[in-house]
Protein backbone atom coordinates (compact mmCIF):
# COMPACT_ATOMS: atom_id res chain seq x y z
CA UNK A 1 -7.11 7.92 -21.88
CA UNK A 2 -9.49 10.60 -20.89
CA UNK A 3 -12.93 9.66 -21.08
CA UNK A 4 -15.03 11.71 -23.87
CA UNK A 5 -18.37 10.66 -23.30
CA UNK A 6 -21.29 12.05 -21.48
CA UNK A 7 -21.63 10.75 -17.78
CA UNK A 8 -24.09 8.22 -16.92
CA UNK A 9 -27.81 9.89 -16.37
CA UNK A 10 -28.29 9.97 -12.27
CA UNK A 11 -30.29 7.44 -11.03
CA UNK A 12 -31.31 5.81 -7.26
CA UNK A 13 -28.18 3.87 -6.52
CA UNK A 14 -28.49 0.53 -5.18
CA UNK A 15 -26.67 -0.65 -2.10
CA UNK A 16 -26.92 -4.45 -3.11
CA UNK A 17 -27.17 -5.86 -6.59
CA UNK A 18 -30.29 -7.89 -7.64
CA UNK A 19 -31.03 -9.91 -10.77
CA UNK A 20 -33.55 -6.57 -11.55
CA UNK A 21 -31.03 -3.86 -11.00
CA UNK A 22 -28.25 -6.11 -13.07
CA UNK A 23 -30.57 -6.33 -15.64
CA UNK A 24 -31.21 -2.34 -15.87
CA UNK A 25 -27.48 -1.41 -15.53
CA UNK A 26 -26.83 -4.22 -18.71
CA UNK A 27 -29.44 -2.37 -20.61
CA UNK A 28 -28.24 1.05 -19.73
CA UNK A 29 -24.68 0.24 -20.47
CA UNK A 30 -25.39 -1.39 -23.48
CA UNK A 31 -27.31 1.62 -24.82
CA UNK A 32 -24.36 3.69 -24.62
CA UNK A 33 -22.04 0.81 -26.22
CA UNK A 34 -24.07 1.36 -29.44
CA UNK A 35 -24.18 4.79 -29.34
CA UNK A 36 -20.71 5.20 -28.51
CA UNK A 37 -18.46 6.43 -31.48
CA UNK A 38 -15.38 4.25 -31.02
CA UNK A 39 -17.44 1.05 -29.39
CA UNK A 40 -20.84 1.02 -31.42
CA UNK A 41 -19.52 0.13 -35.21
CA UNK A 42 -17.30 -2.79 -33.48
CA UNK A 43 -20.40 -4.07 -31.48
CA UNK A 44 -22.72 -3.63 -34.22
CA UNK A 45 -21.00 -5.16 -37.09
CA UNK A 46 -20.62 -8.08 -34.38
CA UNK A 47 -24.25 -8.17 -33.01
CA UNK A 48 -26.51 -6.74 -35.77
CA UNK A 49 -29.80 -8.55 -35.43
CA UNK A 50 -28.32 -10.61 -31.99
CA UNK A 51 -28.82 -7.87 -29.58
CA UNK A 52 -32.36 -9.39 -28.45
CA UNK A 53 -29.64 -12.37 -27.58
CA UNK A 54 -26.67 -11.31 -26.32
CA UNK A 55 -28.30 -9.14 -23.71
CA UNK A 56 -30.05 -11.33 -21.46
CA UNK A 57 -26.76 -13.57 -21.57
CA UNK A 58 -25.04 -10.43 -20.29
CA UNK A 59 -27.43 -9.72 -17.52
CA UNK A 60 -27.05 -13.84 -16.47
CA UNK A 61 -23.05 -13.37 -16.80
CA UNK A 62 -23.11 -10.48 -14.15
CA UNK A 63 -25.37 -12.37 -12.07
CA UNK A 64 -23.33 -15.56 -12.43
CA UNK A 65 -20.21 -13.29 -11.20
CA UNK A 66 -21.66 -10.65 -8.78
CA UNK A 67 -24.65 -13.08 -7.11
CA UNK A 68 -22.97 -16.51 -7.81
CA UNK A 69 -25.76 -17.52 -9.68
CA UNK A 70 -23.90 -19.71 -11.63
CA UNK A 71 -26.16 -20.00 -14.74
CA UNK A 72 -23.92 -18.67 -17.00
CA UNK A 73 -22.86 -21.20 -19.01
CA UNK A 74 -19.90 -20.22 -21.83
CA UNK A 75 -16.38 -19.02 -22.37
CA UNK A 76 -15.45 -15.45 -22.24
CA UNK A 77 -12.33 -15.83 -24.17
CA UNK A 78 -13.61 -17.91 -27.05
CA UNK A 79 -16.70 -15.49 -27.65
CA UNK A 80 -13.96 -12.45 -27.68
CA UNK A 81 -11.50 -14.34 -29.88
CA UNK A 82 -13.32 -14.04 -33.24
CA UNK A 83 -13.79 -9.95 -33.08
CA UNK A 84 -12.10 -7.88 -35.59
CA UNK A 85 -10.46 -4.76 -35.35
CA UNK A 86 -10.21 -4.63 -31.49
CA UNK A 87 -7.46 -2.84 -30.16
CA UNK A 88 -6.28 -1.53 -26.69
CA UNK A 89 -8.08 1.64 -26.73
CA UNK A 90 -11.82 -0.45 -27.32
CA UNK A 91 -10.97 -2.01 -24.10
CA UNK A 92 -9.90 1.27 -22.37
CA UNK A 93 -13.43 2.53 -23.59
CA UNK A 94 -15.31 -0.48 -22.82
CA UNK A 95 -14.01 -0.04 -19.33
CA UNK A 96 -14.56 3.81 -18.82
CA UNK A 97 -18.19 3.38 -20.00
CA UNK A 98 -18.92 0.43 -17.99
CA UNK A 99 -17.43 1.66 -14.77
CA UNK A 100 -19.20 5.00 -15.02
CA UNK A 101 -22.30 3.18 -15.23
CA UNK A 102 -21.59 1.13 -12.51
CA UNK A 103 -20.83 4.00 -10.12
CA UNK A 104 -23.77 5.95 -11.40
CA UNK A 105 -25.88 3.05 -9.99
CA UNK A 106 -24.54 1.62 -7.35
CA UNK A 107 -23.20 2.41 -3.77
CA UNK A 108 -19.13 1.98 -4.00
CA UNK A 109 -19.13 -1.43 -1.83
CA UNK A 110 -21.77 -2.83 -4.12
CA UNK A 111 -20.20 -1.07 -7.47
CA UNK A 112 -16.57 -2.58 -6.44
CA UNK A 113 -18.22 -6.20 -7.23
CA UNK A 114 -18.62 -5.39 -10.55
CA UNK A 115 -15.71 -3.48 -10.91
CA UNK A 116 -12.90 -5.51 -10.30
CA UNK A 117 -13.92 -8.37 -11.74
CA UNK A 118 -14.70 -5.86 -15.12
CA UNK A 119 -11.08 -4.63 -14.69
CA UNK A 120 -9.93 -8.41 -14.47
CA UNK A 121 -11.26 -10.03 -17.31
CA UNK A 122 -10.29 -7.35 -19.66
CA UNK A 123 -6.79 -7.67 -18.93
CA UNK A 124 -7.30 -11.22 -19.52
CA UNK A 125 -9.02 -10.86 -22.70
CA UNK A 126 -6.41 -8.45 -23.67
CA UNK A 127 -3.09 -10.39 -22.63
CA UNK A 128 -5.05 -13.63 -24.61
CA UNK A 129 -5.80 -11.33 -27.66
CA UNK A 130 -2.24 -9.23 -27.65
CA UNK A 131 0.02 -12.10 -25.93
CA UNK A 132 1.93 -12.51 -22.76
CA UNK A 133 4.01 -9.57 -23.70
CA UNK A 134 1.44 -7.07 -24.09
CA UNK A 135 1.42 -4.31 -21.20
CA UNK A 136 -1.82 -3.20 -20.00
CA UNK A 137 -2.40 0.55 -20.73
CA UNK A 138 -1.15 2.66 -18.08
CA UNK A 139 -5.32 4.27 -17.87
CA UNK A 140 -6.38 0.98 -17.33
CA UNK A 141 -3.80 0.21 -14.14
CA UNK A 142 -4.77 3.10 -12.98
CA UNK A 143 -8.35 2.13 -13.35
CA UNK A 144 -7.56 -0.94 -11.79
CA UNK A 145 -5.66 0.54 -8.93
CA UNK A 146 -8.00 2.63 -8.07
CA UNK A 147 -10.77 0.09 -7.86
CA UNK A 148 -8.74 -2.59 -6.14
CA UNK A 149 -5.73 -1.15 -4.60
CA UNK A 150 -2.94 -3.50 -3.99
CA UNK A 151 -2.15 -4.25 -0.37
CA UNK A 152 1.58 -3.48 1.14
CA UNK A 153 3.05 -6.86 1.50
CA UNK A 154 4.91 -7.39 4.93
CA UNK A 155 8.45 -7.56 4.45
CA UNK A 156 8.55 -11.00 6.12
CA UNK A 157 5.78 -12.42 3.37
CA UNK A 158 7.33 -14.41 0.46
CA UNK A 159 6.95 -12.67 -2.83
CA UNK A 160 7.31 -14.62 -6.56
CA UNK A 161 10.24 -13.09 -8.32
CA UNK A 162 9.11 -10.87 -11.45
CA UNK A 163 8.68 -12.42 -14.43
CA UNK A 164 11.14 -11.86 -17.56
CA UNK A 165 9.81 -11.12 -20.74
CA UNK A 166 8.06 -13.73 -22.46
CA UNK A 167 7.62 -15.90 -19.48
CA UNK A 168 4.05 -15.48 -18.48
CA UNK A 169 4.49 -17.20 -15.00
CA UNK A 170 7.06 -15.76 -12.37
CA UNK A 171 8.51 -19.07 -12.10
CA UNK A 172 10.54 -20.67 -14.88
CA UNK A 173 8.81 -23.28 -16.83
CA UNK A 174 9.48 -26.66 -15.93
CA UNK A 175 12.62 -28.00 -17.94
CA UNK A 176 13.34 -24.83 -19.26
CA UNK A 177 16.11 -22.67 -17.64
CA UNK A 178 15.62 -18.83 -17.32
CA UNK A 179 18.44 -18.91 -19.54
CA UNK A 180 16.64 -20.83 -22.48
């Protein structure tokens, strides 16, 4: 998926996240979401008339993640399950818009503090929604690799084996052989 949206407006980039600039980020990002032809209708169908409640909750969520404020109380998986019509391209578009907005507002070291959790949460939501055999789209894998590249393992470092299809963990489930 190639981004087909205008770049985020240029603003002074912050060296560190604060509650104030997280609020500005969240509001700027959701302005873009609401105007987006792919995401806008999905979000509007769910949040019509409730944006004033949702946006402060998103500010609290991101402050909890990035600043360690620990004020967010909620279940991300549960909150996103009832969304109708959400497909992988919605996740990809959300990520592109979010990462672009973050990059426009934060210096790289601060931006990563938002980007890595956003990518991991998106992957978790997709696996939960589409099943354990779902493969994260290549464009999202590329985003994650760009933001949080895998470090090469030393040859002597033990690592878990690849997981077989249908098995969510790299080690077998207790009581179930790999042949079952």
